[in-house]
C-alpha atoms as a PDB file:
ATOM      1  CA  UNK A   1      -8.272 -76.377  67.127  1.00  0.00           C
ATOM      2  CA  UNK A   2     -11.613 -75.469  65.569  1.00  0.00           C
ATOM      3  CA  UNK A   3     -11.885 -73.875  62.138  1.00  0.00           C
ATOM      4  CA  UNK A   4     -14.152 -70.888  62.145  1.00  0.00           C
ATOM      5  CA  UNK A   5     -16.480 -70.431  59.249  1.00  0.00           C
ATOM      6  CA  UNK A   6     -16.105 -66.986  57.731  1.00  0.00           C
ATOM      7  CA  UNK A   7     -18.938 -65.175  56.040  1.00  0.00           C
ATOM      8  CA  UNK A   8     -17.498 -63.548  52.967  1.00  0.00           C
ATOM      9  CA  UNK A   9     -19.314 -60.581  51.553  1.00  0.00           C
ATOM     10  CA  UNK A  10     -20.404 -61.425  48.055  1.00  0.00           C
ATOM     11  CA  UNK A  11     -20.313 -58.673  45.459  1.00  0.00           C
ATOM     12  CA  UNK A  12     -23.479 -59.545  43.579  1.00  0.00           C
ATOM     13  CA  UNK A  13     -23.041 -56.702  41.108  1.00  0.00           C
ATOM     14  CA  UNK A  14     -19.551 -57.856  40.114  1.00  0.00           C
ATOM     15  CA  UNK A  15     -20.838 -61.410  39.702  1.00  0.00           C
ATOM     16  CA  UNK A  16     -23.993 -60.442  37.814  1.00  0.00           C
ATOM     17  CA  UNK A  17     -22.500 -60.445  34.330  1.00  0.00           C
ATOM     18  CA  UNK A  18     -23.662 -56.882  33.738  1.00  0.00           C
ATOM     19  CA  UNK A  19     -21.605 -54.865  31.273  1.00  0.00           C
ATOM     20  CA  UNK A  20     -21.549 -51.117  31.784  1.00  0.00           C
ATOM     21  CA  UNK A  21     -20.964 -48.840  28.807  1.00  0.00           C
ATOM     22  CA  UNK A  22     -19.893 -45.315  29.674  1.00  0.00           C
ATOM     23  CA  UNK A  23     -20.603 -43.244  26.565  1.00  0.00           C
ATOM     24  CA  UNK A  24     -18.444 -40.426  27.875  1.00  0.00           C
ATOM     25  CA  UNK A  25     -15.376 -42.665  27.650  1.00  0.00           C
ATOM     26  CA  UNK A  26     -16.123 -43.560  24.027  1.00  0.00           C
ATOM     27  CA  UNK A  27     -16.058 -40.060  22.637  1.00  0.00           C
ATOM     28  CA  UNK A  28     -12.991 -38.273  21.302  1.00  0.00           C
ATOM     29  CA  UNK A  29     -11.656 -36.033  24.030  1.00  0.00           C
ATOM     30  CA  UNK A  30      -9.959 -33.576  21.681  1.00  0.00           C
ATOM     31  CA  UNK A  31     -10.585 -29.870  22.063  1.00  0.00           C
ATOM     32  CA  UNK A  32     -13.760 -28.496  20.490  1.00  0.00           C
ATOM     33  CA  UNK A  33     -13.488 -25.272  18.470  1.00  0.00           C
ATOM     34  CA  UNK A  34     -16.303 -23.126  17.128  1.00  0.00           C
ATOM     35  CA  UNK A  35     -15.063 -21.579  13.862  1.00  0.00           C
ATOM     36  CA  UNK A  36     -17.164 -18.535  12.965  1.00  0.00           C
ATOM     37  CA  UNK A  37     -16.871 -17.694   9.281  1.00  0.00           C
ATOM     38  CA  UNK A  38     -18.245 -14.157   9.826  1.00  0.00           C
ATOM     39  CA  UNK A  39     -14.777 -12.871  10.658  1.00  0.00           C
ATOM     40  CA  UNK A  40     -13.719 -13.478   7.054  1.00  0.00           C
ATOM     41  CA  UNK A  41     -16.716 -11.888   5.362  1.00  0.00           C
ATOM     42  CA  UNK A  42     -16.726  -8.356   4.022  1.00  0.00           C
ATOM     43  CA  UNK A  43     -18.516  -6.276   6.678  1.00  0.00           C
ATOM     44  CA  UNK A  44     -19.485  -9.617   8.242  1.00  0.00           C
ATOM     45  CA  UNK A  45     -22.170  -9.927   5.575  1.00  0.00           C
ATOM     46  CA  UNK A  46     -20.740 -10.661   2.147  1.00  0.00           C
ATOM     47  CA  UNK A  47     -18.390 -13.372   1.027  1.00  0.00           C
ATOM     48  CA  UNK A  48     -15.978 -12.145  -1.619  1.00  0.00           C
ATOM     49  CA  UNK A  49     -14.569 -15.188  -3.359  1.00  0.00           C
ATOM     50  CA  UNK A  50     -11.129 -13.745  -4.104  1.00  0.00           C
ATOM     51  CA  UNK A  51     -10.635 -12.496  -0.520  1.00  0.00           C
ATOM     52  CA  UNK A  52     -11.967 -15.710   0.961  1.00  0.00           C
ATOM     53  CA  UNK A  53      -9.665 -17.858  -1.169  1.00  0.00           C
ATOM     54  CA  UNK A  54      -6.741 -15.669  -0.058  1.00  0.00           C
ATOM     55  CA  UNK A  55      -7.733 -16.225   3.573  1.00  0.00           C
ATOM     56  CA  UNK A  56      -7.901 -19.990   2.960  1.00  0.00           C
ATOM     57  CA  UNK A  57      -4.434 -19.908   1.392  1.00  0.00           C
ATOM     58  CA  UNK A  58      -2.729 -17.792   4.093  1.00  0.00           C
ATOM     59  CA  UNK A  59      -4.466 -18.881   7.314  1.00  0.00           C
ATOM     60  CA  UNK A  60      -2.427 -20.982   9.765  1.00  0.00           C
ATOM     61  CA  UNK A  61      -4.423 -24.216   9.732  1.00  0.00           C
ATOM     62  CA  UNK A  62      -1.874 -26.038  11.901  1.00  0.00           C
ATOM     63  CA  UNK A  63      -3.433 -24.456  14.995  1.00  0.00           C
ATOM     64  CA  UNK A  64      -6.350 -26.886  14.547  1.00  0.00           C
ATOM     65  CA  UNK A  65      -4.202 -30.010  14.675  1.00  0.00           C
ATOM     66  CA  UNK A  66      -6.082 -32.870  16.378  1.00  0.00           C
ATOM     67  CA  UNK A  67      -8.977 -30.551  17.302  1.00  0.00           C
ATOM     68  CA  UNK A  68     -12.674 -30.988  16.564  1.00  0.00           C
ATOM     69  CA  UNK A  69     -14.085 -28.078  14.583  1.00  0.00           C
ATOM     70  CA  UNK A  70     -17.634 -26.786  14.065  1.00  0.00           C
ATOM     71  CA  UNK A  71     -17.953 -24.358  11.133  1.00  0.00           C
ATOM     72  CA  UNK A  72     -20.817 -21.872  11.284  1.00  0.00           C
ATOM     73  CA  UNK A  73     -21.724 -18.250  10.624  1.00  0.00           C
ATOM     74  CA  UNK A  74     -23.104 -16.187  13.494  1.00  0.00           C
ATOM     75  CA  UNK A  75     -24.427 -13.405  11.272  1.00  0.00           C
ATOM     76  CA  UNK A  76     -27.386 -13.440   8.943  1.00  0.00           C
ATOM     77  CA  UNK A  77     -25.109 -13.530   5.891  1.00  0.00           C
ATOM     78  CA  UNK A  78     -25.782 -15.748   2.923  1.00  0.00           C
ATOM     79  CA  UNK A  79     -22.730 -17.971   2.702  1.00  0.00           C
ATOM     80  CA  UNK A  80     -22.454 -20.178  -0.376  1.00  0.00           C
ATOM     81  CA  UNK A  81     -22.108 -23.894   0.265  1.00  0.00           C
ATOM     82  CA  UNK A  82     -18.762 -24.051  -1.518  1.00  0.00           C
ATOM     83  CA  UNK A  83     -17.240 -21.745   1.117  1.00  0.00           C
ATOM     84  CA  UNK A  84     -17.722 -24.430   3.767  1.00  0.00           C
ATOM     85  CA  UNK A  85     -16.306 -26.982   1.351  1.00  0.00           C
ATOM     86  CA  UNK A  86     -13.179 -24.820   0.954  1.00  0.00           C
ATOM     87  CA  UNK A  87     -12.844 -24.675   4.744  1.00  0.00           C
ATOM     88  CA  UNK A  88     -13.200 -28.446   4.927  1.00  0.00           C
ATOM     89  CA  UNK A  89     -10.543 -28.951   2.270  1.00  0.00           C
ATOM     90  CA  UNK A  90      -8.139 -26.608   4.063  1.00  0.00           C
ATOM     91  CA  UNK A  91      -8.559 -28.107   7.523  1.00  0.00           C
ATOM     92  CA  UNK A  92      -8.962 -31.809   6.714  1.00  0.00           C
ATOM     93  CA  UNK A  93      -5.278 -32.685   7.082  1.00  0.00           C
ATOM     94  CA  UNK A  94      -5.073 -31.105  10.540  1.00  0.00           C
ATOM     95  CA  UNK A  95      -8.374 -31.481  12.387  1.00  0.00           C
ATOM     96  CA  UNK A  96      -9.527 -34.666  14.038  1.00  0.00           C
ATOM     97  CA  UNK A  97     -13.145 -34.042  12.955  1.00  0.00           C
ATOM     98  CA  UNK A  98     -15.027 -31.131  11.442  1.00  0.00           C
ATOM     99  CA  UNK A  99     -18.715 -30.483  10.874  1.00  0.00           C
ATOM    100  CA  UNK A 100     -21.041 -27.754   9.719  1.00  0.00           C
ATOM    101  CA  UNK A 101     -23.048 -26.517  12.686  1.00  0.00           C
ATOM    102  CA  UNK A 102     -22.651 -25.468  16.291  1.00  0.00           C
ATOM    103  CA  UNK A 103     -20.850 -27.180  19.173  1.00  0.00           C
ATOM    104  CA  UNK A 104     -23.950 -29.244  19.944  1.00  0.00           C
ATOM    105  CA  UNK A 105     -23.944 -30.618  16.389  1.00  0.00           C
ATOM    106  CA  UNK A 106     -20.245 -31.368  16.760  1.00  0.00           C
ATOM    107  CA  UNK A 107     -20.908 -33.345  19.957  1.00  0.00           C
ATOM    108  CA  UNK A 108     -23.694 -35.318  18.296  1.00  0.00           C
ATOM    109  CA  UNK A 109     -21.404 -36.153  15.389  1.00  0.00           C
ATOM    110  CA  UNK A 110     -18.532 -37.184  17.661  1.00  0.00           C
ATOM    111  CA  UNK A 111     -20.768 -39.505  19.676  1.00  0.00           C
ATOM    112  CA  UNK A 112     -22.340 -40.955  16.532  1.00  0.00           C
ATOM    113  CA  UNK A 113     -18.851 -41.625  15.173  1.00  0.00           C
ATOM    114  CA  UNK A 114     -17.804 -43.344  18.410  1.00  0.00           C
ATOM    115  CA  UNK A 115     -20.953 -45.471  18.590  1.00  0.00           C
ATOM    116  CA  UNK A 116     -20.550 -46.467  14.939  1.00  0.00           C
ATOM    117  CA  UNK A 117     -17.201 -48.033  15.890  1.00  0.00           C
ATOM    118  CA  UNK A 118     -18.848 -50.396  18.387  1.00  0.00           C
ATOM    119  CA  UNK A 119     -19.206 -53.969  17.203  1.00  0.00           C
ATOM    120  CA  UNK A 120     -22.749 -54.812  18.312  1.00  0.00           C
ATOM    121  CA  UNK A 121     -22.014 -58.530  17.984  1.00  0.00           C
ATOM    122  CA  UNK A 122     -19.686 -58.239  20.998  1.00  0.00           C
ATOM    123  CA  UNK A 123     -22.834 -57.657  23.065  1.00  0.00           C
ATOM    124  CA  UNK A 124     -25.009 -60.471  21.709  1.00  0.00           C
ATOM    125  CA  UNK A 125     -27.204 -61.890  24.507  1.00  0.00           C
ATOM    126  CA  UNK A 126     -25.437 -59.740  27.138  1.00  0.00           C
ATOM    127  CA  UNK A 127     -26.960 -57.669  29.907  1.00  0.00           C
ATOM    128  CA  UNK A 128     -25.964 -54.051  29.262  1.00  0.00           C
ATOM    129  CA  UNK A 129     -26.209 -50.923  31.377  1.00  0.00           C
ATOM    130  CA  UNK A 130     -25.714 -47.572  29.690  1.00  0.00           C
ATOM    131  CA  UNK A 131     -24.172 -45.370  32.353  1.00  0.00           C
ATOM    132  CA  UNK A 132     -26.463 -42.479  33.165  1.00  0.00           C
ATOM    133  CA  UNK A 133     -24.292 -40.045  35.089  1.00  0.00           C
ATOM    134  CA  UNK A 134     -21.458 -38.245  33.364  1.00  0.00           C
ATOM    135  CA  UNK A 135     -19.162 -35.329  34.057  1.00  0.00           C
ATOM    136  CA  UNK A 136     -20.104 -33.545  30.846  1.00  0.00           C
ATOM    137  CA  UNK A 137     -23.524 -32.937  29.376  1.00  0.00           C
ATOM    138  CA  UNK A 138     -24.281 -35.772  26.982  1.00  0.00           C
ATOM    139  CA  UNK A 139     -26.414 -35.351  23.886  1.00  0.00           C
ATOM    140  CA  UNK A 140     -29.656 -37.293  24.281  1.00  0.00           C
ATOM    141  CA  UNK A 141     -29.116 -38.500  20.733  1.00  0.00           C
ATOM    142  CA  UNK A 142     -26.125 -40.555  21.941  1.00  0.00           C
ATOM    143  CA  UNK A 143     -28.416 -42.609  24.194  1.00  0.00           C
ATOM    144  CA  UNK A 144     -30.858 -43.109  21.350  1.00  0.00           C
ATOM    145  CA  UNK A 145     -28.062 -44.096  18.965  1.00  0.00           C
ATOM    146  CA  UNK A 146     -26.507 -46.631  21.366  1.00  0.00           C
ATOM    147  CA  UNK A 147     -29.989 -48.103  21.880  1.00  0.00           C
ATOM    148  CA  UNK A 148     -30.447 -48.326  18.117  1.00  0.00           C
ATOM    149  CA  UNK A 149     -27.123 -50.151  17.851  1.00  0.00           C
ATOM    150  CA  UNK A 150     -27.594 -52.613  20.723  1.00  0.00           C
ATOM    151  CA  UNK A 151     -31.316 -53.408  20.934  1.00  0.00           C
ATOM    152  CA  UNK A 152     -31.260 -55.955  18.088  1.00  0.00           C
ATOM    153  CA  UNK A 153     -28.631 -58.106  19.861  1.00  0.00           C
ATOM    154  CA  UNK A 154     -28.658 -57.657  23.651  1.00  0.00           C
ATOM    155  CA  UNK A 155     -30.428 -59.805  26.209  1.00  0.00           C
ATOM    156  CA  UNK A 156     -31.341 -56.719  28.238  1.00  0.00           C
ATOM    157  CA  UNK A 157     -30.645 -53.007  28.176  1.00  0.00           C
ATOM    158  CA  UNK A 158     -30.716 -50.776  31.243  1.00  0.00           C
ATOM    159  CA  UNK A 159     -29.950 -47.154  32.035  1.00  0.00           C
ATOM    160  CA  UNK A 160     -28.157 -45.846  35.115  1.00  0.00           C
ATOM    161  CA  UNK A 161     -25.761 -47.614  37.449  1.00  0.00           C
ATOM    162  CA  UNK A 162     -25.477 -51.273  38.391  1.00  0.00           C
ATOM    163  CA  UNK A 163     -26.764 -50.552  41.910  1.00  0.00           C
ATOM    164  CA  UNK A 164     -29.780 -48.591  40.702  1.00  0.00           C
ATOM    165  CA  UNK A 165     -30.798 -48.999  37.106  1.00  0.00           C
ATOM    166  CA  UNK A 166     -33.854 -48.438  35.023  1.00  0.00           C
ATOM    167  CA  UNK A 167     -34.839 -51.372  32.785  1.00  0.00           C
ATOM    168  CA  UNK A 168     -35.277 -50.309  29.177  1.00  0.00           C
ATOM    169  CA  UNK A 169     -35.560 -53.577  27.270  1.00  0.00           C
ATOM    170  CA  UNK A 170     -35.587 -57.297  27.946  1.00  0.00           C
ATOM    171  CA  UNK A 171     -35.482 -59.906  25.193  1.00  0.00           C
ATOM    172  CA  UNK A 172     -38.412 -62.305  25.327  1.00  0.00           C
END
């Protein structure tokens, strides 16, 4: 009986040693909430300290448990800095993360936080692809920040998918 030689299909991508980083998977998935301070201003224009402190004291902050909050004011009111500090103090024990700004600023902060947790040394002399397609819109700053983190240590950095990537950097 003759043994037939089989031609196995080799998965060159799987054997290439490429490491794909999907930024979308790094970021906190908690709900994002835009907290507009205008609703607690007198005539949506003036912050009265006594009334605002009463709001801080009586508001149900538990509704923000494990959520990501962006504090801002949608009106042209002049809101003193300390008002946002009072909000931060009130929500800090409940919220996952809070920032001053809009939802875009919140996303940037969440991605920066996630990227800061990466140990760049784990990628020393590795070939890295930063996944380009995602289900949600990614802040461009996240791609810049991950590049900032990894460029000093990686062998090469690419953007896209393993089957079709764009070279960004190659160590000489």
